[in-house]
Amino acid sequence: MGEVEIGKVTDFFAKPVAAGIELSGTLKVGDRVHIKGSTTDMEITVESMQVERASITEGKPGDLVGIKVPDRVRPGDTVYKVTE
């Protein structure tokens, strides 16, 4: 199992608990991601994703997407896609 860097957290929203991520790689609903930073370390499955409040199923490099997260993340945290 490996990990590929696919973006950085740019924003954190408390309600709903979500992360804004600037993608440098592709991300799809159903992908497993690992968000890591100095005080952040979580692995989640992407259940939904939005761009400017519109639901999408796939984000591409350059997109600024929002995904739900179970806990606080911080701007600058790195987002990795977990690969089999």
C-alpha atoms as a PDB file:
ATOM      1  CA  MET A   1       0.000   0.000   0.000  1.00  0.00           C
ATOM      2  CA  GLY A   2       1.384   3.388  -0.960  1.00  0.00           C
ATOM      3  CA  GLU A   3       0.504   7.040  -0.947  1.00  0.00           C
ATOM      4  CA  VAL A   4       0.640   9.711  -3.647  1.00  0.00           C
ATOM      5  CA  GLU A   5       0.500  13.413  -2.801  1.00  0.00           C
ATOM      6  CA  ILE A   6      -2.571  14.945  -4.467  1.00  0.00           C
ATOM      7  CA  GLY A   7      -2.988  18.311  -2.788  1.00  0.00           C
ATOM      8  CA  LYS A   8      -2.835  20.703   0.157  1.00  0.00           C
ATOM      9  CA  VAL A   9      -5.458  21.863   2.616  1.00  0.00           C
ATOM     10  CA  THR A  10      -6.241  25.555   2.036  1.00  0.00           C
ATOM     11  CA  ASP A  11      -9.229  26.040   4.361  1.00  0.00           C
ATOM     12  CA  PHE A  12     -11.064  24.447   7.261  1.00  0.00           C
ATOM     13  CA  PHE A  13     -14.767  24.958   7.863  1.00  0.00           C
ATOM     14  CA  ALA A  14     -16.372  24.153  11.214  1.00  0.00           C
ATOM     15  CA  LYS A  15     -19.984  23.931  10.011  1.00  0.00           C
ATOM     16  CA  PRO A  16     -20.237  21.578   8.246  1.00  0.00           C
ATOM     17  CA  VAL A  17     -16.870  20.122   9.210  1.00  0.00           C
ATOM     18  CA  ALA A  18     -15.071  20.236   5.878  1.00  0.00           C
ATOM     19  CA  ALA A  19     -11.678  20.827   4.328  1.00  0.00           C
ATOM     20  CA  GLY A  20     -10.917  22.985   1.307  1.00  0.00           C
ATOM     21  CA  ILE A  21      -8.221  21.270  -0.735  1.00  0.00           C
ATOM     22  CA  GLU A  22      -6.271  22.585  -3.705  1.00  0.00           C
ATOM     23  CA  LEU A  23      -5.641  19.543  -5.873  1.00  0.00           C
ATOM     24  CA  SER A  24      -2.349  18.791  -7.577  1.00  0.00           C
ATOM     25  CA  GLY A  25      -3.616  15.344  -8.636  1.00  0.00           C
ATOM     26  CA  THR A  26      -6.968  13.699  -9.378  1.00  0.00           C
ATOM     27  CA  LEU A  27      -9.400  12.756  -6.617  1.00  0.00           C
ATOM     28  CA  LYS A  28     -12.629  10.778  -6.947  1.00  0.00           C
ATOM     29  CA  VAL A  29     -15.514  10.054  -4.610  1.00  0.00           C
ATOM     30  CA  GLY A  30     -14.710   6.686  -3.019  1.00  0.00           C
ATOM     31  CA  ASP A  31     -10.948   7.332  -2.924  1.00  0.00           C
ATOM     32  CA  ARG A  32      -9.165   6.821   0.392  1.00  0.00           C
ATOM     33  CA  VAL A  33      -7.096   9.832   1.480  1.00  0.00           C
ATOM     34  CA  HIS A  34      -4.549  10.452   4.218  1.00  0.00           C
ATOM     35  CA  ILE A  35      -4.365  14.031   5.517  1.00  0.00           C
ATOM     36  CA  LYS A  36      -1.132  14.712   7.342  1.00  0.00           C
ATOM     37  CA  GLY A  37       0.390  17.752   9.005  1.00  0.00           C
ATOM     38  CA  SER A  38       2.271  18.673  12.168  1.00  0.00           C
ATOM     39  CA  THR A  39      -0.799  17.951  14.337  1.00  0.00           C
ATOM     40  CA  THR A  40      -3.080  16.268  11.777  1.00  0.00           C
ATOM     41  CA  ASP A  41      -3.043  12.576  10.876  1.00  0.00           C
ATOM     42  CA  MET A  42      -6.262  11.054   9.562  1.00  0.00           C
ATOM     43  CA  GLU A  43      -7.262   8.560   6.918  1.00  0.00           C
ATOM     44  CA  ILE A  44     -10.762   8.799   5.443  1.00  0.00           C
ATOM     45  CA  THR A  45     -12.789   7.686   2.450  1.00  0.00           C
ATOM     46  CA  VAL A  46     -14.090  10.600   0.358  1.00  0.00           C
ATOM     47  CA  GLU A  47     -17.888  10.285   0.520  1.00  0.00           C
ATOM     48  CA  SER A  48     -18.730  13.519  -1.285  1.00  0.00           C
ATOM     49  CA  MET A  49     -16.916  16.375  -2.917  1.00  0.00           C
ATOM     50  CA  GLN A  50     -17.940  19.851  -3.990  1.00  0.00           C
ATOM     51  CA  VAL A  51     -16.615  22.673  -6.141  1.00  0.00           C
ATOM     52  CA  GLU A  52     -18.279  26.024  -5.443  1.00  0.00           C
ATOM     53  CA  ARG A  53     -21.188  24.265  -3.663  1.00  0.00           C
ATOM     54  CA  ALA A  54     -21.879  21.959  -6.619  1.00  0.00           C
ATOM     55  CA  SER A  55     -21.423  18.224  -6.061  1.00  0.00           C
ATOM     56  CA  ILE A  56     -18.855  16.526  -8.271  1.00  0.00           C
ATOM     57  CA  THR A  57     -17.564  12.959  -8.499  1.00  0.00           C
ATOM     58  CA  GLU A  58     -14.018  13.758  -9.633  1.00  0.00           C
ATOM     59  CA  GLY A  59     -11.619  16.626  -9.049  1.00  0.00           C
ATOM     60  CA  LYS A  60      -8.608  17.354 -11.227  1.00  0.00           C
ATOM     61  CA  PRO A  61      -5.316  19.218 -10.728  1.00  0.00           C
ATOM     62  CA  GLY A  62      -5.955  22.908 -10.116  1.00  0.00           C
ATOM     63  CA  ASP A  63      -9.454  22.379  -8.686  1.00  0.00           C
ATOM     64  CA  LEU A  64     -10.314  23.756  -5.258  1.00  0.00           C
ATOM     65  CA  VAL A  65     -12.584  21.098  -3.749  1.00  0.00           C
ATOM     66  CA  GLY A  66     -14.361  20.696  -0.452  1.00  0.00           C
ATOM     67  CA  ILE A  67     -14.648  17.337   1.317  1.00  0.00           C
ATOM     68  CA  LYS A  68     -16.211  16.396   4.642  1.00  0.00           C
ATOM     69  CA  VAL A  69     -13.714  15.496   7.350  1.00  0.00           C
ATOM     70  CA  PRO A  70     -14.324  13.969  10.802  1.00  0.00           C
ATOM     71  CA  ASP A  71     -12.077  16.391  12.669  1.00  0.00           C
ATOM     72  CA  ARG A  72     -10.104  19.630  12.335  1.00  0.00           C
ATOM     73  CA  VAL A  73      -7.504  19.937   9.596  1.00  0.00           C
ATOM     74  CA  ARG A  74      -5.184  22.862   9.094  1.00  0.00           C
ATOM     75  CA  PRO A  75      -4.132  24.946   6.083  1.00  0.00           C
ATOM     76  CA  GLY A  76      -0.867  23.549   4.750  1.00  0.00           C
ATOM     77  CA  ASP A  77      -1.658  19.941   5.697  1.00  0.00           C
ATOM     78  CA  THR A  78      -0.714  17.574   2.868  1.00  0.00           C
ATOM     79  CA  VAL A  79      -3.348  15.343   1.261  1.00  0.00           C
ATOM     80  CA  TYR A  80      -2.281  11.941  -0.038  1.00  0.00           C
ATOM     81  CA  LYS A  81      -4.314   9.422  -2.023  1.00  0.00           C
ATOM     82  CA  VAL A  82      -3.883   5.934  -0.551  1.00  0.00           C
ATOM     83  CA  THR A  83      -3.147   3.382  -3.271  1.00  0.00           C
ATOM     84  CA  GLU A  84      -3.473  -0.395  -3.074  1.00  0.00           C
END
